[in-house]
């Protein structure tokens, strides 16, 4: 159960990183 939660947290962290990259690209374009 704990490991599953850790995996869930890791996925959320990766999603946040991807979101930050997308925002960075957006800011660079505009």
PDB file of N, CA and C in Angstrom:
ATOM      1  N   UNK A   1       0.840  -1.199   0.000  1.00  0.00           N
ATOM      2  CA  UNK A   1       0.000   0.000   0.000  1.00  0.00           C
ATOM      3  C   UNK A   1       0.882   1.258   0.000  1.00  0.00           C
ATOM      4  N   UNK A   2       1.879   1.246   0.860  1.00  0.00           N
ATOM      5  CA  UNK A   2       2.760   2.411   0.936  1.00  0.00           C
ATOM      6  C   UNK A   2       3.510   2.650  -0.368  1.00  0.00           C
ATOM      7  N   UNK A   3       3.958   1.535  -0.983  1.00  0.00           N
ATOM      8  CA  UNK A   3       4.694   1.658  -2.245  1.00  0.00           C
ATOM      9  C   UNK A   3       3.803   2.237  -3.334  1.00  0.00           C
ATOM     10  N   UNK A   4       2.533   1.823  -3.326  1.00  0.00           N
ATOM     11  CA  UNK A   4       1.588   2.320  -4.328  1.00  0.00           C
ATOM     12  C   UNK A   4       1.429   3.830  -4.171  1.00  0.00           C
ATOM     13  N   UNK A   5       1.354   4.285  -2.925  1.00  0.00           N
ATOM     14  CA  UNK A   5       1.215   5.714  -2.659  1.00  0.00           C
ATOM     15  C   UNK A   5       2.456   6.459  -3.154  1.00  0.00           C
ATOM     16  N   UNK A   6       3.620   5.856  -2.946  1.00  0.00           N
ATOM     17  CA  UNK A   6       4.876   6.475  -3.388  1.00  0.00           C
ATOM     18  C   UNK A   6       4.893   6.606  -4.905  1.00  0.00           C
ATOM     19  N   UNK A   7       4.424   5.561  -5.597  1.00  0.00           N
ATOM     20  CA  UNK A   7       4.370   5.596  -7.063  1.00  0.00           C
ATOM     21  C   UNK A   7       3.411   6.693  -7.501  1.00  0.00           C
ATOM     22  N   UNK A   8       2.283   6.784  -6.823  1.00  0.00           N
ATOM     23  CA  UNK A   8       1.275   7.804  -7.133  1.00  0.00           C
ATOM     24  C   UNK A   8       1.888   9.195  -6.994  1.00  0.00           C
ATOM     25  N   UNK A   9       2.656   9.388  -5.913  1.00  0.00           N
ATOM     26  CA  UNK A   9       3.302  10.673  -5.642  1.00  0.00           C
ATOM     27  C   UNK A   9       4.337  10.987  -6.718  1.00  0.00           C
ATOM     28  N   UNK A  10       5.068   9.959  -7.152  1.00  0.00           N
ATOM     29  CA  UNK A  10       6.078  10.142  -8.197  1.00  0.00           C
ATOM     30  C   UNK A  10       5.444  10.578  -9.503  1.00  0.00           C
ATOM     31  N   UNK A  11       4.309   9.975  -9.835  1.00  0.00           N
ATOM     32  CA  UNK A  11       3.611  10.339 -11.075  1.00  0.00           C
ATOM     33  C   UNK A  11       3.147  11.785 -11.016  1.00  0.00           C
ATOM     34  N   UNK A  12       2.643  12.191  -9.852  1.00  0.00           N
ATOM     35  CA  UNK A  12       2.161  13.564  -9.698  1.00  0.00           C
ATOM     36  C   UNK A  12       3.328  14.543  -9.851  1.00  0.00           C
ATOM     37  N   UNK A  13       4.487  14.161  -9.307  1.00  0.00           N
ATOM     38  CA  UNK A  13       5.673  15.014  -9.399  1.00  0.00           C
ATOM     39  C   UNK A  13       6.100  15.174 -10.855  1.00  0.00           C
ATOM     40  N   UNK A  14       6.063  14.067 -11.606  1.00  0.00           N
ATOM     41  CA  UNK A  14       6.450  14.101 -13.022  1.00  0.00           C
ATOM     42  C   UNK A  14       5.464  14.963 -13.808  1.00  0.00           C
ATOM     43  N   UNK A  15       4.189  14.843 -13.453  1.00  0.00           N
ATOM     44  CA  UNK A  15       3.155  15.629 -14.135  1.00  0.00           C
ATOM     45  C   UNK A  15       3.400  17.122 -13.907  1.00  0.00           C
ATOM     46  N   UNK A  16       3.793  17.463 -12.685  1.00  0.00           N
ATOM     47  CA  UNK A  16       4.050  18.861 -12.354  1.00  0.00           C
ATOM     48  C   UNK A  16       5.246  19.380 -13.158  1.00  0.00           C
ATOM     49  N   UNK A  17       6.269  18.532 -13.305  1.00  0.00           N
ATOM     50  CA  UNK A  17       7.451  18.915 -14.094  1.00  0.00           C
ATOM     51  C   UNK A  17       7.068  19.193 -15.541  1.00  0.00           C
ATOM     52  N   UNK A  18       6.230  18.315 -16.099  1.00  0.00           N
ATOM     53  CA  UNK A  18       5.805  18.466 -17.492  1.00  0.00           C
ATOM     54  C   UNK A  18       5.012  19.761 -17.646  1.00  0.00           C
ATOM     55  N   UNK A  19       4.167  20.051 -16.660  1.00  0.00           N
ATOM     56  CA  UNK A  19       3.350  21.262 -16.703  1.00  0.00           C
ATOM     57  C   UNK A  19       4.254  22.498 -16.682  1.00  0.00           C
ATOM     58  N   UNK A  20       5.297  22.453 -15.857  1.00  0.00           N
ATOM     59  CA  UNK A  20       6.223  23.582 -15.748  1.00  0.00           C
ATOM     60  C   UNK A  20       6.951  23.786 -17.073  1.00  0.00           C
ATOM     61  N   UNK A  21       7.320  22.682 -17.726  1.00  0.00           N
ATOM     62  CA  UNK A  21       7.998  22.787 -19.024  1.00  0.00           C
ATOM     63  C   UNK A  21       7.084  23.427 -20.047  1.00  0.00           C
ATOM     64  N   UNK A  22       5.816  22.995 -20.050  1.00  0.00           N
ATOM     65  CA  UNK A  22       4.849  23.522 -21.018  1.00  0.00           C
ATOM     66  C   UNK A  22       4.678  25.024 -20.805  1.00  0.00           C
ATOM     67  N   UNK A  23       4.594  25.441 -19.559  1.00  0.00           N
ATOM     68  CA  UNK A  23       4.438  26.868 -19.249  1.00  0.00           C
ATOM     69  C   UNK A  23       5.682  27.636 -19.694  1.00  0.00           C
ATOM     70  N   UNK A  24       6.854  27.037 -19.485  1.00  0.00           N
ATOM     71  CA  UNK A  24       8.109  27.679 -19.881  1.00  0.00           C
ATOM     72  C   UNK A  24       8.167  27.890 -21.382  1.00  0.00           C
ATOM     73  N   UNK A  25       7.735  26.883 -22.142  1.00  0.00           N
ATOM     74  CA  UNK A  25       7.716  26.986 -23.606  1.00  0.00           C
ATOM     75  C   UNK A  25       6.740  28.085 -24.019  1.00  0.00           C
ATOM     76  N   UNK A  26       5.582  28.104 -23.344  1.00  0.00           N
ATOM     77  CA  UNK A  26       4.563  29.116 -23.646  1.00  0.00           C
ATOM     78  C   UNK A  26       5.134  30.518 -23.461  1.00  0.00           C
ATOM     79  N   UNK A  27       5.798  30.717 -22.312  1.00  0.00           N
ATOM     80  CA  UNK A  27       6.374  32.027 -22.001  1.00  0.00           C
ATOM     81  C   UNK A  27       7.460  32.400 -23.002  1.00  0.00           C
ATOM     82  N   UNK A  28       8.224  31.418 -23.444  1.00  0.00           N
ATOM     83  CA  UNK A  28       9.302  31.678 -24.403  1.00  0.00           C
ATOM     84  C   UNK A  28       8.729  32.092 -25.762  1.00  0.00           C
ATOM     85  N   UNK A  29       7.608  31.498 -26.143  1.00  0.00           N
ATOM     86  CA  UNK A  29       7.007  31.801 -27.447  1.00  0.00           C
ATOM     87  C   UNK A  29       6.379  33.189 -27.472  1.00  0.00           C
ATOM     88  N   UNK A  30       5.709  33.559 -26.371  1.00  0.00           N
ATOM     89  CA  UNK A  30       4.981  34.832 -26.359  1.00  0.00           C
ATOM     90  C   UNK A  30       5.838  36.002 -25.898  1.00  0.00           C
TER      91      UNK A  30
END
